[in-house]
Each structure stands twice: as structure tokens, then as C-alpha cells.
């Protein structure tokens, strides 16, 4: 079976090259920040939302 959401013309997503930019940031600076950031500071799940008193 094929996935109806995927079309044959779609190419797989590729990672941007080192000298390209992602948004307004150069990719090399994002990779540098990622390499220097300790694992315990990187969260994979969103922070819980606090409820405001009403």
C-alpha cells in the first residue's frame, strides 16, 4: 500500500548545507550552538503550561 499523503514528486527532506541559512541564521552557527549546548539543557518535550488564576 502507498501513503496517500505522499506524492511521487516530493523529494525527501535534506539537511541544509553548512554555508546556507535556516531562516535568518547561518547553518554553521546553529550547528556550533548545538554542539556546545549540554544535553541536560536541551528538552525534547514542551514545558508544561501554567494555569492563570481566574
N, C-alpha and C. Protein backbone atom coordinates (compact mmCIF):
# COMPACT_ATOMS: atom_id res chain seq x y z
N UNK A 1 0.84 -1.18 0.00
CA UNK A 1 0.00 0.00 0.00
C UNK A 1 0.89 1.25 0.00
N UNK A 2 0.40 2.29 -0.59
CA UNK A 2 1.15 3.54 -0.62
C UNK A 2 0.48 4.56 0.28
N UNK A 3 1.26 5.50 0.70
CA UNK A 3 0.76 6.55 1.56
C UNK A 3 0.07 7.60 0.68
N UNK A 4 -1.23 7.86 0.88
CA UNK A 4 -1.92 8.82 0.02
C UNK A 4 -1.44 10.26 0.20
N UNK A 5 -0.81 10.56 1.34
CA UNK A 5 -0.34 11.92 1.59
C UNK A 5 0.94 12.22 0.82
N UNK A 6 1.72 11.20 0.49
CA UNK A 6 2.97 11.40 -0.22
C UNK A 6 2.72 11.35 -1.72
N UNK A 7 3.28 12.28 -2.41
CA UNK A 7 3.18 12.25 -3.86
C UNK A 7 4.52 11.82 -4.43
N UNK A 8 4.50 11.37 -5.66
CA UNK A 8 5.74 10.91 -6.28
C UNK A 8 6.69 12.05 -6.57
N UNK A 9 6.18 13.26 -6.65
CA UNK A 9 7.04 14.40 -6.96
C UNK A 9 7.77 14.94 -5.75
N UNK A 10 7.36 14.55 -4.54
CA UNK A 10 8.02 15.02 -3.33
C UNK A 10 9.37 14.34 -3.18
N UNK A 11 10.39 15.14 -2.93
CA UNK A 11 11.70 14.57 -2.65
C UNK A 11 11.88 14.51 -1.14
N UNK A 12 12.69 13.57 -0.67
CA UNK A 12 12.90 13.50 0.78
C UNK A 12 13.59 14.77 1.28
N UNK A 13 13.22 15.18 2.49
CA UNK A 13 13.81 16.40 3.03
C UNK A 13 15.29 16.18 3.27
N UNK A 14 16.09 17.15 2.84
CA UNK A 14 17.52 17.04 3.06
C UNK A 14 17.95 18.16 3.99
N UNK A 15 19.02 17.91 4.70
CA UNK A 15 19.54 18.88 5.64
C UNK A 15 20.21 20.02 4.87
N UNK A 16 20.05 21.27 5.32
CA UNK A 16 20.68 22.37 4.60
C UNK A 16 22.20 22.29 4.69
N UNK A 17 22.87 22.77 3.67
CA UNK A 17 24.33 22.76 3.65
C UNK A 17 24.88 23.70 4.71
N UNK A 18 26.14 23.51 5.04
CA UNK A 18 26.78 24.26 6.10
C UNK A 18 26.79 25.76 5.84
N UNK A 19 26.91 26.18 4.60
CA UNK A 19 27.01 27.61 4.27
C UNK A 19 25.67 28.22 3.90
N UNK A 20 24.59 27.45 3.95
CA UNK A 20 23.25 28.01 3.70
C UNK A 20 22.73 28.63 4.98
N UNK A 21 21.57 29.23 4.90
CA UNK A 21 20.97 29.79 6.11
C UNK A 21 19.63 29.13 6.35
N UNK A 22 19.27 29.01 7.62
CA UNK A 22 18.00 28.45 8.04
C UNK A 22 17.24 29.59 8.69
N UNK A 23 16.28 30.14 7.98
CA UNK A 23 15.64 31.36 8.45
C UNK A 23 16.63 32.50 8.30
N UNK A 24 16.91 33.21 9.36
CA UNK A 24 17.89 34.29 9.28
C UNK A 24 19.23 33.89 9.90
N UNK A 25 19.37 32.61 10.30
CA UNK A 25 20.60 32.15 10.94
C UNK A 25 21.42 31.30 9.98
N UNK A 26 22.75 31.51 9.94
CA UNK A 26 23.59 30.61 9.15
C UNK A 26 23.63 29.23 9.80
N UNK A 27 23.62 28.19 8.99
CA UNK A 27 23.57 26.81 9.49
C UNK A 27 24.80 26.50 10.34
N UNK A 28 25.97 27.02 9.96
CA UNK A 28 27.19 26.71 10.72
C UNK A 28 27.09 27.20 12.16
N UNK A 29 26.43 28.36 12.37
CA UNK A 29 26.31 28.86 13.74
C UNK A 29 25.33 28.03 14.55
N UNK A 30 24.26 27.54 13.90
CA UNK A 30 23.30 26.68 14.60
C UNK A 30 23.94 25.36 15.00
N UNK A 31 24.79 24.80 14.11
CA UNK A 31 25.48 23.56 14.44
C UNK A 31 26.48 23.77 15.57
N UNK A 32 27.14 24.92 15.59
CA UNK A 32 28.08 25.23 16.66
C UNK A 32 27.36 25.35 18.00
N UNK A 33 26.24 26.04 18.01
CA UNK A 33 25.45 26.18 19.24
C UNK A 33 24.96 24.81 19.71
N UNK A 34 24.51 23.98 18.79
CA UNK A 34 24.03 22.64 19.12
C UNK A 34 25.16 21.79 19.71
N UNK A 35 26.36 21.93 19.18
CA UNK A 35 27.49 21.14 19.67
C UNK A 35 27.95 21.60 21.05
N UNK A 36 27.82 22.88 21.35
CA UNK A 36 28.30 23.42 22.62
C UNK A 36 27.27 23.34 23.75
N UNK A 37 26.00 23.14 23.42
CA UNK A 37 24.94 23.11 24.42
C UNK A 37 24.92 21.74 25.11
N UNK A 38 25.00 21.72 26.45
CA UNK A 38 24.94 20.44 27.17
C UNK A 38 23.58 19.77 26.97
N UNK A 39 23.59 18.43 27.03
CA UNK A 39 22.36 17.65 26.80
C UNK A 39 21.26 17.97 27.80
N UNK A 40 21.62 18.28 29.04
CA UNK A 40 20.58 18.50 30.05
C UNK A 40 19.83 19.81 29.82
N UNK A 41 20.37 20.71 29.00
CA UNK A 41 19.66 21.95 28.70
C UNK A 41 18.72 21.81 27.51
N UNK A 42 18.87 20.75 26.74
CA UNK A 42 18.03 20.54 25.57
C UNK A 42 16.85 19.69 25.99
N UNK A 43 15.64 20.26 25.91
CA UNK A 43 14.45 19.49 26.28
C UNK A 43 13.74 19.04 25.01
N UNK A 44 13.27 17.82 25.04
CA UNK A 44 12.57 17.27 23.89
C UNK A 44 11.06 17.47 23.99
N UNK A 45 10.56 17.70 25.17
CA UNK A 45 9.12 17.90 25.34
C UNK A 45 8.87 19.36 25.76
N UNK A 46 7.74 19.91 25.38
CA UNK A 46 7.46 21.30 25.73
C UNK A 46 7.24 21.45 27.24
N UNK A 47 7.54 22.62 27.73
CA UNK A 47 7.35 22.90 29.15
C UNK A 47 5.86 22.92 29.45
N UNK A 48 5.47 22.47 30.64
CA UNK A 48 4.04 22.49 30.98
C UNK A 48 3.54 23.92 31.10
N UNK A 49 2.30 24.13 30.66
CA UNK A 49 1.71 25.47 30.73
C UNK A 49 1.10 25.68 32.10
N UNK A 50 1.37 26.86 32.64
CA UNK A 50 0.77 27.19 33.94
C UNK A 50 -0.61 27.76 33.73
N UNK A 51 -1.52 27.39 34.62
CA UNK A 51 -2.88 27.93 34.54
C UNK A 51 -2.94 29.25 35.28
N UNK A 52 -3.58 30.21 34.68
CA UNK A 52 -3.72 31.51 35.31
C UNK A 52 -4.93 31.50 36.23
N UNK A 53 -4.82 32.13 37.40
CA UNK A 53 -5.98 32.21 38.30
C UNK A 53 -7.08 33.06 37.68
N UNK A 54 -8.31 32.61 37.89
CA UNK A 54 -9.45 33.35 37.33
C UNK A 54 -10.39 33.80 38.39
